[in-house]
Every structure is written in structure tokens, then in C-alpha cells.
Amino acid sequence: MAAAFLLSMSPGLARAQAAPNVPVLANGQLPPTVPGEDVALANVIRGSITVGTHYDDNVGINTVSGNRQWDLGYGVSPQIELLETRPRVDWGLIYAPGFTISQNLTYRNQFTQDFSGHLTWRATEHSAITAQQGYIRTNDPFQQTASSPGLIGGPNQTIFIPNLLRTTLSSNVLYSNQFSEHSSFGMGGSFHTVHIDTTPHSGPTQSLIYSQIISGHAYVSHQLSARNELGFQYTGQVLRFPGADARTTTHSFLIFEDFKPSANTTLSIYGGPEYSLTANEVVANLGFIVLTIPVKSNQWHSAGGVIYNWTGQRMAVTLDYTRRISDGGGLVGAVKLNSGTAHISWNLTKRLNLISTLSAADDQLLAAQTGRDELLTYSAEVGFSQQLSKNLSLNLSYERLNETGALGAFPVRNHDLAQASITYSFLKPLGR
């Protein structure tokens, strides 16, 4: 992982060292939902250990419809984070191992890993390289790297598959250059792999699809005013599914515009045509095998999205909608994805915080028609964090998740998810 961090880079969070005029779309990440009174940290070592429990009322995959199997799990997860800011370099590393124990599903007992790192290097006065590396090994299908608020064009995380171990590796890099007072250009690339284990220690064998996403993009932008930026971005993407020898290649041509209506508000709108070339669309049979439908198809689609971020002194809101071609989350090959999320973070008091997320997604099988080619997902989550003392906090959350339709032979499940945990944390200046 250390070698991958040095050789494979990605757009990190926009910190003080980032080159000016990097558009939101080119940056590759959603703006963080952090209230203004939460001061950004630098040159520190931050550590924590979390002990908690989680509940899922419907963890079975191959159970008969209506036969719900619940599970209660327990986990412990330490985390260590290093953050350092220098005049021309800003970097950070996070490592968070963990262990979970399942009460009813013994094959969910497992070690988890979460490693991530970011780097921003101000190469010259008008250029910069930003990078990020992430590695996750977990049974939480919605978990992302600890340092990333969310990827704009990353792997598809709208499909919920419980009780299976998922390993994700993400690498990205972006070079940006301001070649005139109001104009800039940049280029970057990314590599993502997602693998879901098909053979648990015990229980039914699942057959899911291993995917690789390789993409590159280039952009040029111009500031029309201090609060308005217009630009064009080309993105080429290859979605590979090695187990079934299937591939989908896409080319998107997007016009984007970034607005800053106020000092604490940003709005990014982007859209344009997207061209796809598909060979051997794949469909998963979660019983034992992966079926391959021999399909060759060239299609034009529309792609685009909207990203809105508002940061108040005690509240922050991020809204995101995207329409693009993505992987099928382990169930099928490429899909036409429409998804939207709303994140809210609100400091109710100095010690009590509210975090809420609403999301919806529509996944449709690309270039092939079957009896099970569309899956709709809706979820609502609310969580509270109470600061019990200087170093101790209590965290509670509840999520309702509904799925309708189907992709492949995956049985639709609705879930009630609840979590409770206690976290002990500390903070020390780096080098002391």
C-alpha cells in the first residue's frame, strides 16, 4: 500500500496548497459537509478507538421472500491520523484497522482495514499536483475511505449487498496549472478496483462480479468573474469485468459552470453527451455462476449533474445529483446510473451534533434487456454525536433502506439498520 501511495495519486481535499481555479468536477470529490466553526486541523497526530454495536433486521441473501433474518454485531476499531502542512506541501495519512463479531452469522467475523493518504504539492506558483490513495477491506457496502467525503466518478456505491466482504482500491492524480490570470487547465487519471468475496468461511456461496475502472480526463476553464467559472472537460473511461471478459468504454464531453453566489456557497452544474461501446454485457446469478450475454452495442447517452454546497457557522449542507455510466456494484456489468444524495451536518449545541443523509438511485442494465434489469434504492439516515467529555463521545444512528426491482438474480431486501458506539480520541501536535 505504501508503494501504491507513492506511485498512484488522486485528487485530495481542497486545502491551502491547492492551485487556484480547480473546478469542482475536475477535483473529483464532493465538497466536505463541515460547519464553519469546525476548524481544519494541521500539523497534528490524531488518534481514536471506537467500540460499538450494529443491528440489521434483514441480513439474509438466499432466504425465501418474507423470511427475515436479523443479526447483531460488535466491533472495535482504532484509528491513527497524521496531518502536516508546509509552505509548498500538504499531506496526511490515516490507518484504521478493526475487528467485527457477528452474533448470528459466524462468517461475518472478520478483520477490517481502512488505509488512505492524500498529498498536495505546490510545484510552482501557478501549478499543483493533488493526489489520494485509498484501500478498504470491509463488510460495510457504503463505507468509503476515512479521508474522502465522496467521489464524483468513483465505483458505484448505490447497491446494498449485506454480509459479504468487499475490497476496494482507489488511486487518483490531478495536475492543474493556471496559465493566465483567469484561465487554467489540468489533466488527471484514476484507477479503481472492487472485489467482493464469493466464498465466505461458511454459509451460501455467492457469485459476484469483480470490476476495474480506469479513467483519464482533461479540462480547461476560464473565470468569467470573481464568482463564475466556465469550462470544458473530456473524460475517457474503461469499465472492465475480468471474470466474464466483458468491457464497456465511455467517452464524455461535458460543459461545466461553477458559481459562488456567496462566500460560503458553491454551485457546480455540468452536462453533455456520453458515448459508450459495450462488449459482452454480464449478469450475475447469485446462486452459483455468472452468466454472460454476448452483446456488442454502441450508444449515445446524456450525462451530467449538479453539486451544491453551503457552509454556515453551525450547519453545512451538500446536495449532489449525477447521471452517468458506472459499474453494477458486483451484480451486473455496466449500468446507467441516476443517483442523488443530500448530506446535512448540524452542530445543535457545542456538544451535540446531528448528521443526516438522504439518498436515492436508479440502476439500469446497459445495452441488454432482461427480466431483471433495473434496481431502485432509497435510504434515509439520521445520526447523533454527543461529546461526553474532552476525549469521549457517544454516537447513535438509524437508517431505513428500501430496494425495489432487481438486477440479475439478486433478491430485493429492505433493511432497518441501527448503530451505537463510544469513541475515545486524542490530539497532539506533530513532532512532540
Foldseek 3Di string as FASTA:
>chain_A
DVVCPVVFWAQAADDPQAFPPCDPVNSFAFHDWDFPQPDDDAQKKKKKKKKWKKKKFAQDWPDDPPDGDIKIKIKMKIKIKGWHDDPFKTKMKMKIKMFMQIDPDRLLTDIKIKIKMKMWGNPDNFKIKITMKIKIKHQFLQDDHPRGRGGPADADSQDDRGDWIKIKIKGKMKMKGAPDPFKIKIKMKMKMKMDIAQDTPDDAGFQFWTKIKIKMKMKMKGAPDPFKIKIKMKMWMWIAGVVQRWIKIKIWIKIKMWGDPDPFKIKMWMKGKMKMWIAFKWATDGRDGIDTDGFTDIDMDIWIKMWIWGHHNFKIKIKIWIWDWHQPSGGIGIWTKTKIKMWMWGDPDPFKIKIKMWMKMWTARPRDDDQQGIKIKTKIKMKMWGHPDPFKIKIKMWMWMFMDTHTHNTDGDTIIMIMIMMMGMDMGRNPD
